[in-house]
Amino acid sequence: MDHNTQPITVDAEPYIARLRDQLAEAWGQTQAQLALAREEIAIRAARETDLNRRIADLETTIAELRGTSTRP
């Protein structure tokens, strides 16, 4: 059995360039997903704050109707 002892050479530059492009695209997609997630979190937090304010207002109204105000 005769083995080829010559090294196999390949021009790696096209592969490296393709990997670089894929990495840049994946990075961009990840950044877009993170920005979207941050925006969704901010919207949820604002809604939760609004709901908490509305609940507190309703509790105050109930207390006033019962004659025991919670406001100073």
N, C-alpha and C. Protein backbone atom coordinates (compact mmCIF):
# COMPACT_ATOMS: atom_id res chain seq x y z
N MET A 1 0.83 -1.17 0.00
CA MET A 1 0.00 0.00 0.00
C MET A 1 0.88 1.24 0.00
N ASP A 2 0.69 2.02 -1.00
CA ASP A 2 1.53 3.20 -1.16
C ASP A 2 0.77 4.43 -0.67
N HIS A 3 1.27 5.07 0.35
CA HIS A 3 0.64 6.28 0.91
C HIS A 3 1.24 7.52 0.29
N ASN A 4 0.38 8.46 0.02
CA ASN A 4 0.83 9.72 -0.52
C ASN A 4 1.38 10.55 0.64
N THR A 5 2.62 10.89 0.58
CA THR A 5 3.25 11.65 1.67
C THR A 5 3.25 13.15 1.39
N GLN A 6 2.71 13.54 0.26
CA GLN A 6 2.66 14.96 -0.08
C GLN A 6 1.53 15.64 0.71
N PRO A 7 1.80 16.80 1.30
CA PRO A 7 0.72 17.50 2.03
C PRO A 7 -0.33 18.02 1.06
N ILE A 8 -1.55 18.03 1.53
CA ILE A 8 -2.65 18.57 0.75
C ILE A 8 -2.80 20.03 1.14
N THR A 9 -2.79 20.90 0.19
CA THR A 9 -2.93 22.33 0.47
C THR A 9 -4.23 22.85 -0.11
N VAL A 10 -4.80 23.79 0.61
CA VAL A 10 -6.05 24.39 0.19
C VAL A 10 -5.93 25.89 0.42
N ASP A 11 -6.53 26.66 -0.46
CA ASP A 11 -6.59 28.10 -0.24
C ASP A 11 -7.74 28.36 0.73
N ALA A 12 -7.41 28.68 1.95
CA ALA A 12 -8.41 28.84 2.99
C ALA A 12 -9.10 30.20 2.96
N GLU A 13 -8.59 31.14 2.21
CA GLU A 13 -9.16 32.49 2.21
C GLU A 13 -10.64 32.53 1.83
N PRO A 14 -11.10 31.82 0.79
CA PRO A 14 -12.54 31.86 0.48
C PRO A 14 -13.40 31.31 1.63
N TYR A 15 -12.90 30.28 2.30
CA TYR A 15 -13.65 29.70 3.42
C TYR A 15 -13.67 30.65 4.61
N ILE A 16 -12.54 31.27 4.84
CA ILE A 16 -12.47 32.25 5.94
C ILE A 16 -13.38 33.43 5.66
N ALA A 17 -13.39 33.91 4.42
CA ALA A 17 -14.26 35.03 4.04
C ALA A 17 -15.72 34.64 4.21
N ARG A 18 -16.09 33.43 3.79
CA ARG A 18 -17.47 32.98 3.93
C ARG A 18 -17.85 32.89 5.41
N LEU A 19 -16.98 32.34 6.22
CA LEU A 19 -17.25 32.25 7.67
C LEU A 19 -17.36 33.64 8.29
N ARG A 20 -16.52 34.57 7.83
CA ARG A 20 -16.57 35.95 8.34
C ARG A 20 -17.92 36.58 8.01
N ASP A 21 -18.39 36.37 6.78
CA ASP A 21 -19.69 36.91 6.38
C ASP A 21 -20.83 36.29 7.19
N GLN A 22 -20.75 34.98 7.39
CA GLN A 22 -21.79 34.30 8.17
C GLN A 22 -21.80 34.78 9.61
N LEU A 23 -20.62 34.97 10.17
CA LEU A 23 -20.52 35.46 11.54
C LEU A 23 -21.08 36.88 11.66
N ALA A 24 -20.76 37.73 10.69
CA ALA A 24 -21.28 39.10 10.71
C ALA A 24 -22.80 39.11 10.60
N GLU A 25 -23.35 38.25 9.75
CA GLU A 25 -24.80 38.17 9.60
C GLU A 25 -25.45 37.67 10.89
N ALA A 26 -24.87 36.62 11.48
CA ALA A 26 -25.41 36.08 12.73
C ALA A 26 -25.33 37.12 13.85
N TRP A 27 -24.23 37.88 13.89
CA TRP A 27 -24.07 38.92 14.90
C TRP A 27 -25.15 39.99 14.72
N GLY A 28 -25.39 40.40 13.49
CA GLY A 28 -26.42 41.40 13.22
C GLY A 28 -27.80 40.91 13.62
N GLN A 29 -28.09 39.65 13.31
CA GLN A 29 -29.39 39.09 13.69
C GLN A 29 -29.54 39.03 15.20
N THR A 30 -28.48 38.65 15.88
CA THR A 30 -28.51 38.59 17.34
C THR A 30 -28.73 39.97 17.95
N GLN A 31 -28.05 40.96 17.40
CA GLN A 31 -28.23 42.32 17.91
C GLN A 31 -29.66 42.81 17.69
N ALA A 32 -30.23 42.48 16.54
CA ALA A 32 -31.61 42.88 16.26
C ALA A 32 -32.57 42.18 17.23
N GLN A 33 -32.33 40.91 17.51
CA GLN A 33 -33.18 40.18 18.44
C GLN A 33 -33.07 40.76 19.85
N LEU A 34 -31.86 41.12 20.26
CA LEU A 34 -31.68 41.73 21.58
C LEU A 34 -32.38 43.09 21.66
N ALA A 35 -32.29 43.88 20.62
CA ALA A 35 -32.97 45.19 20.62
C ALA A 35 -34.48 44.99 20.71
N LEU A 36 -35.00 44.03 19.98
CA LEU A 36 -36.44 43.75 20.04
C LEU A 36 -36.85 43.28 21.43
N ALA A 37 -36.05 42.41 22.02
CA ALA A 37 -36.36 41.92 23.37
C ALA A 37 -36.34 43.07 24.38
N ARG A 38 -35.38 43.96 24.26
CA ARG A 38 -35.32 45.11 25.17
C ARG A 38 -36.56 45.99 25.03
N GLU A 39 -36.99 46.19 23.79
CA GLU A 39 -38.18 47.00 23.54
C GLU A 39 -39.42 46.33 24.13
N GLU A 40 -39.52 45.01 23.95
CA GLU A 40 -40.67 44.29 24.52
C GLU A 40 -40.68 44.36 26.03
N ILE A 41 -39.52 44.26 26.64
CA ILE A 41 -39.42 44.36 28.10
C ILE A 41 -39.84 45.75 28.57
N ALA A 42 -39.40 46.78 27.86
CA ALA A 42 -39.77 48.16 28.23
C ALA A 42 -41.28 48.36 28.12
N ILE A 43 -41.87 47.81 27.07
CA ILE A 43 -43.32 47.95 26.88
C ILE A 43 -44.07 47.22 27.99
N ARG A 44 -43.62 46.02 28.31
CA ARG A 44 -44.27 45.26 29.40
C ARG A 44 -44.15 45.98 30.73
N ALA A 45 -42.98 46.55 31.00
CA ALA A 45 -42.77 47.28 32.25
C ALA A 45 -43.69 48.49 32.33
N ALA A 46 -43.83 49.20 31.21
CA ALA A 46 -44.72 50.36 31.19
C ALA A 46 -46.17 49.94 31.43
N ARG A 47 -46.58 48.85 30.80
CA ARG A 47 -47.95 48.35 31.00
C ARG A 47 -48.16 47.92 32.45
N GLU A 48 -47.17 47.26 33.02
CA GLU A 48 -47.29 46.82 34.41
C GLU A 48 -47.38 48.02 35.35
N THR A 49 -46.59 49.04 35.10
CA THR A 49 -46.64 50.25 35.91
C THR A 49 -48.02 50.90 35.81
N ASP A 50 -48.55 50.96 34.58
CA ASP A 50 -49.88 51.54 34.38
C ASP A 50 -50.94 50.71 35.10
N LEU A 51 -50.85 49.39 35.00
CA LEU A 51 -51.83 48.54 35.69
C LEU A 51 -51.74 48.71 37.21
N ASN A 52 -50.53 48.78 37.73
CA ASN A 52 -50.37 48.98 39.18
C ASN A 52 -50.97 50.31 39.62
N ARG A 53 -50.79 51.36 38.80
CA ARG A 53 -51.37 52.67 39.12
C ARG A 53 -52.90 52.58 39.09
N ARG A 54 -53.44 51.91 38.08
CA ARG A 54 -54.89 51.79 37.98
C ARG A 54 -55.46 50.96 39.14
N ILE A 55 -54.77 49.92 39.54
CA ILE A 55 -55.21 49.11 40.68
C ILE A 55 -55.22 49.96 41.95
N ALA A 56 -54.14 50.73 42.14
CA ALA A 56 -54.08 51.59 43.33
C ALA A 56 -55.21 52.62 43.32
N ASP A 57 -55.51 53.18 42.15
CA ASP A 57 -56.62 54.14 42.05
C ASP A 57 -57.96 53.48 42.39
N LEU A 58 -58.15 52.26 41.88
CA LEU A 58 -59.39 51.55 42.17
C LEU A 58 -59.50 51.20 43.66
N GLU A 59 -58.39 50.80 44.25
CA GLU A 59 -58.40 50.49 45.69
C GLU A 59 -58.72 51.75 46.50
N THR A 60 -58.18 52.87 46.07
CA THR A 60 -58.47 54.13 46.75
C THR A 60 -59.95 54.48 46.62
N THR A 61 -60.50 54.30 45.43
CA THR A 61 -61.92 54.57 45.20
C THR A 61 -62.79 53.66 46.07
N ILE A 62 -62.45 52.40 46.15
CA ILE A 62 -63.21 51.47 46.99
C ILE A 62 -63.14 51.90 48.45
N ALA A 63 -61.95 52.27 48.90
CA ALA A 63 -61.79 52.70 50.29
C ALA A 63 -62.61 53.96 50.56
N GLU A 64 -62.63 54.89 49.59
CA GLU A 64 -63.41 56.11 49.77
C GLU A 64 -64.90 55.80 49.81
N LEU A 65 -65.33 54.87 48.99
CA LEU A 65 -66.74 54.49 49.00
C LEU A 65 -67.14 53.82 50.31
N ARG A 66 -66.21 53.14 50.91
CA ARG A 66 -66.47 52.50 52.20
C ARG A 66 -66.32 53.49 53.36
N GLY A 67 -65.78 54.64 53.05
CA GLY A 67 -65.64 55.66 54.08
C GLY A 67 -64.31 55.60 54.82
N THR A 68 -63.39 54.82 54.33
CA THR A 68 -62.07 54.73 54.96
C THR A 68 -61.02 55.04 53.90
N SER A 69 -60.75 56.30 53.72
CA SER A 69 -59.82 56.73 52.68
C SER A 69 -58.42 56.28 52.99
N THR A 70 -57.69 55.93 51.94
CA THR A 70 -56.28 55.56 52.10
C THR A 70 -55.38 56.74 51.72
N ARG A 71 -55.98 57.85 51.29
CA ARG A 71 -55.19 59.01 50.92
C ARG A 71 -54.97 59.87 52.17
N PRO A 72 -53.83 60.51 52.23
CA PRO A 72 -53.54 61.37 53.41
C PRO A 72 -54.39 62.62 53.44
